[in-house]
Amino acid sequence: MKRFLLTTFFILFSFSLIFTAWAGETKLDGHNLSWGKDITAFPNLVPYKTAGDIQYYQNPAPSADCDLTAGVKSSSVAYGFKNGKLYARFVKLETVADFKKMHDHMVKYFGDPKEKMDGKTHVDRWETDTFKIKLKFNKVNMSMKMGTYYLPLAGKGFDLDKSFDSTP
C-alpha cells in the first residue's frame, strides 16, 4: 500500500510539472515563435538592418515561414532581435481582406482593441502580460502592418509607438 501511494504521488507530481510548464509557455496563438530564443536557433534568417540595439532579420525564402495568424500569408516578415534574442515580429499585410482577417482574429483572442486615428492611419493595439501588439492601416497609401513584441525582452520604458514606427 505504501508503495502504491508513493508511486501515485510521483506520477501526480510529474504531471503537475508538465502542466505547469505548458501553462507558462509564452506562445501567442498563431505566433508560435520561440520568443526569447537566441538568433543561432534561426539559421535560415539573414540580417538586413540595425536600429539602435535591435537587429532585424528576414528569411530569404519567405514562403517557408509565411503562414501566419488567421490564415493570412505575407511575403514580407521581419524579425527583431534584442541582445541576440527574438523579441519582435513584423508582418506587412498585403490586402484589406488580410487586414480584416487579422483584426478579427486578434479581437477573438484578446478582445476589443484600443483604437485611435493617427492622421490617416487607423491603429489598433492589444496588450497582455507577455505581448504588445499593434495593427496599423494607412488609408492613404493602403499600407498595412502588424508588430508583435515580447515584453520580457522589451525592457522598462518600452515605447510601442516609437518602436513600431521605426521598424521595417
Protein backbone atom coordinates (compact mmCIF):
# COMPACT_ATOMS: atom_id res chain seq x y z
CA MET A 1 0.00 0.00 0.00
CA LYS A 2 2.80 2.37 0.89
CA ARG A 3 4.49 1.67 -2.45
CA PHE A 4 1.21 2.37 -4.30
CA LEU A 5 0.83 5.74 -2.56
CA LEU A 6 4.42 6.73 -3.34
CA THR A 7 4.02 5.73 -6.99
CA THR A 8 0.74 7.63 -7.26
CA PHE A 9 2.28 10.69 -5.64
CA PHE A 10 5.26 10.55 -8.01
CA ILE A 11 3.01 10.31 -11.08
CA LEU A 12 0.79 13.18 -9.94
CA PHE A 13 3.84 15.30 -9.16
CA SER A 14 5.31 14.59 -12.62
CA PHE A 15 2.09 15.56 -14.37
CA SER A 16 1.81 18.75 -12.34
CA LEU A 17 5.28 19.80 -13.52
CA ILE A 18 4.37 19.10 -17.13
CA PHE A 19 1.12 21.06 -16.93
CA THR A 20 2.84 23.94 -15.17
CA ALA A 21 5.40 24.11 -17.98
CA TRP A 22 2.66 24.14 -20.61
CA ALA A 23 0.74 26.87 -18.80
CA GLY A 24 3.85 29.02 -18.65
CA GLU A 25 4.60 28.91 -22.37
CA THR A 26 4.98 32.30 -23.97
CA LYS A 27 3.16 31.47 -27.16
CA LEU A 28 0.58 33.64 -28.82
CA ASP A 29 -1.94 31.66 -30.83
CA GLY A 30 -0.85 31.76 -34.44
CA HIS A 31 2.51 33.23 -33.49
CA ASN A 32 4.11 30.13 -32.08
CA LEU A 33 7.59 31.51 -32.30
CA SER A 34 10.46 30.75 -29.99
CA TRP A 35 10.23 34.09 -28.20
CA GLY A 36 13.43 34.90 -26.34
CA LYS A 37 15.50 32.31 -28.20
CA ASP A 38 18.98 33.16 -29.44
CA ILE A 39 19.49 34.11 -33.09
CA THR A 40 21.52 30.92 -33.55
CA ALA A 41 18.23 28.98 -33.27
CA PHE A 42 17.14 30.60 -36.57
CA PRO A 43 19.77 29.59 -39.14
CA ASN A 44 17.52 30.48 -42.11
CA LEU A 45 17.36 34.21 -41.27
CA VAL A 46 19.68 36.82 -42.74
CA PRO A 47 20.39 40.26 -41.26
CA TYR A 48 19.33 43.34 -43.21
CA LYS A 49 19.08 46.30 -40.83
CA THR A 50 20.17 47.54 -37.42
CA ALA A 51 18.45 50.33 -35.50
CA GLY A 52 19.86 51.10 -32.07
CA ASP A 53 20.21 47.85 -30.16
CA ILE A 54 17.76 45.97 -32.41
CA GLN A 55 18.95 43.82 -35.30
CA TYR A 56 16.38 42.97 -37.98
CA TYR A 57 16.39 39.75 -39.96
CA GLN A 58 14.36 38.25 -42.78
CA ASN A 59 14.03 34.83 -44.30
CA PRO A 60 15.46 34.92 -47.84
CA ALA A 61 12.86 32.27 -48.80
CA PRO A 62 9.74 33.72 -47.13
CA SER A 63 7.42 31.04 -48.47
CA ALA A 64 8.97 28.74 -45.87
CA ASP A 65 7.65 30.74 -42.92
CA CYS A 66 4.84 32.94 -44.20
CA ASP A 67 1.82 31.11 -42.78
CA LEU A 68 0.58 33.43 -40.09
CA THR A 69 -2.27 34.08 -37.72
CA ALA A 70 -5.79 33.69 -39.10
CA GLY A 71 -4.57 32.05 -42.32
CA VAL A 72 -3.03 35.31 -43.52
CA LYS A 73 0.10 34.98 -45.65
CA SER A 74 2.76 37.59 -46.21
CA SER A 75 5.94 37.55 -48.22
CA SER A 76 7.33 40.30 -46.01
CA VAL A 77 8.01 39.15 -42.46
CA ALA A 78 10.79 40.69 -40.38
CA TYR A 79 12.11 39.57 -37.00
CA GLY A 80 13.64 41.84 -34.39
CA PHE A 81 16.36 40.58 -32.07
CA LYS A 82 17.37 42.46 -28.96
CA ASN A 83 20.69 41.39 -27.47
CA GLY A 84 20.59 38.47 -29.89
CA LYS A 85 17.21 37.22 -28.60
CA LEU A 86 13.93 37.12 -30.57
CA TYR A 87 11.75 39.88 -29.23
CA ALA A 88 9.59 41.12 -32.13
CA ARG A 89 7.97 40.14 -35.39
CA PHE A 90 6.65 42.49 -38.08
CA VAL A 91 4.32 41.45 -40.85
CA LYS A 92 3.34 43.56 -43.84
CA LEU A 93 -0.23 42.71 -44.77
CA GLU A 94 -0.93 42.71 -48.47
CA THR A 95 -4.71 43.07 -48.78
CA VAL A 96 -7.57 44.72 -46.93
CA ALA A 97 -9.14 41.25 -46.60
CA ASP A 98 -5.97 40.07 -44.81
CA PHE A 99 -6.12 43.08 -42.51
CA LYS A 100 -9.73 42.28 -41.63
CA LYS A 101 -8.89 38.59 -41.00
CA MET A 102 -6.01 39.59 -38.75
CA HIS A 103 -8.12 42.16 -36.89
CA ASP A 104 -10.98 39.70 -36.35
CA HIS A 105 -8.58 37.04 -35.12
CA MET A 106 -6.97 39.40 -32.62
CA VAL A 107 -10.39 40.52 -31.33
CA LYS A 108 -11.39 36.88 -30.90
CA TYR A 109 -8.34 36.13 -28.72
CA PHE A 110 -7.70 39.45 -26.98
CA GLY A 111 -10.97 41.36 -27.06
CA ASP A 112 -11.62 44.79 -28.46
CA PRO A 113 -8.51 46.82 -29.16
CA LYS A 114 -7.61 50.29 -28.05
CA GLU A 115 -8.21 52.26 -31.24
CA LYS A 116 -7.02 55.61 -32.46
CA MET A 117 -6.55 57.58 -35.64
CA ASP A 118 -3.10 58.99 -36.30
CA GLY A 119 -3.66 61.30 -39.23
CA LYS A 120 -4.93 59.00 -41.99
CA THR A 121 -3.72 55.87 -40.19
CA HIS A 122 -6.03 53.65 -38.19
CA VAL A 123 -4.23 51.97 -35.27
CA ASP A 124 -5.41 49.04 -33.13
CA ARG A 125 -3.49 47.95 -30.02
CA TRP A 126 -3.66 44.98 -27.67
CA GLU A 127 -1.58 44.26 -24.60
CA THR A 128 -1.18 41.14 -22.49
CA ASP A 129 1.28 40.34 -19.73
CA THR A 130 3.60 38.88 -22.36
CA PHE A 131 2.92 40.77 -25.60
CA LYS A 132 2.17 44.16 -27.06
CA ILE A 133 0.55 44.02 -30.46
CA LYS A 134 -0.08 46.84 -32.90
CA LEU A 135 -2.06 46.62 -36.13
CA LYS A 136 -1.86 49.61 -38.44
CA PHE A 137 -3.72 50.58 -41.65
CA ASN A 138 -2.71 53.70 -43.60
CA LYS A 139 -5.73 54.64 -45.70
CA VAL A 140 -3.77 56.96 -48.00
CA ASN A 141 -1.13 54.56 -49.32
CA MET A 142 -3.03 51.36 -48.32
CA SER A 143 -0.06 50.06 -46.31
CA MET A 144 -0.86 47.65 -43.51
CA LYS A 145 1.39 46.01 -40.95
CA MET A 146 1.32 44.26 -37.62
CA GLY A 147 4.00 44.19 -34.96
CA THR A 148 4.20 41.79 -32.02
CA TYR A 149 6.62 42.50 -29.17
CA TYR A 150 7.71 40.07 -26.48
CA LEU A 151 7.59 42.17 -23.31
CA PRO A 152 10.06 40.22 -21.14
CA LEU A 153 12.81 41.38 -23.53
CA ALA A 154 11.42 44.82 -24.35
CA GLY A 155 12.65 46.27 -21.06
CA LYS A 156 11.50 49.17 -18.93
CA GLY A 157 10.43 52.27 -20.75
CA PHE A 158 9.40 50.32 -23.87
CA ASP A 159 7.60 52.73 -26.19
CA LEU A 160 5.38 50.81 -28.59
CA ASP A 161 4.73 53.80 -30.85
CA LYS A 162 8.40 54.68 -31.24
CA SER A 163 9.48 51.07 -31.71
CA PHE A 164 6.75 50.24 -34.23
CA ASP A 165 7.21 53.34 -36.34
CA SER A 166 10.95 52.73 -36.75
CA THR A 167 10.52 49.13 -37.89
CA PRO A 168 10.97 47.87 -41.42
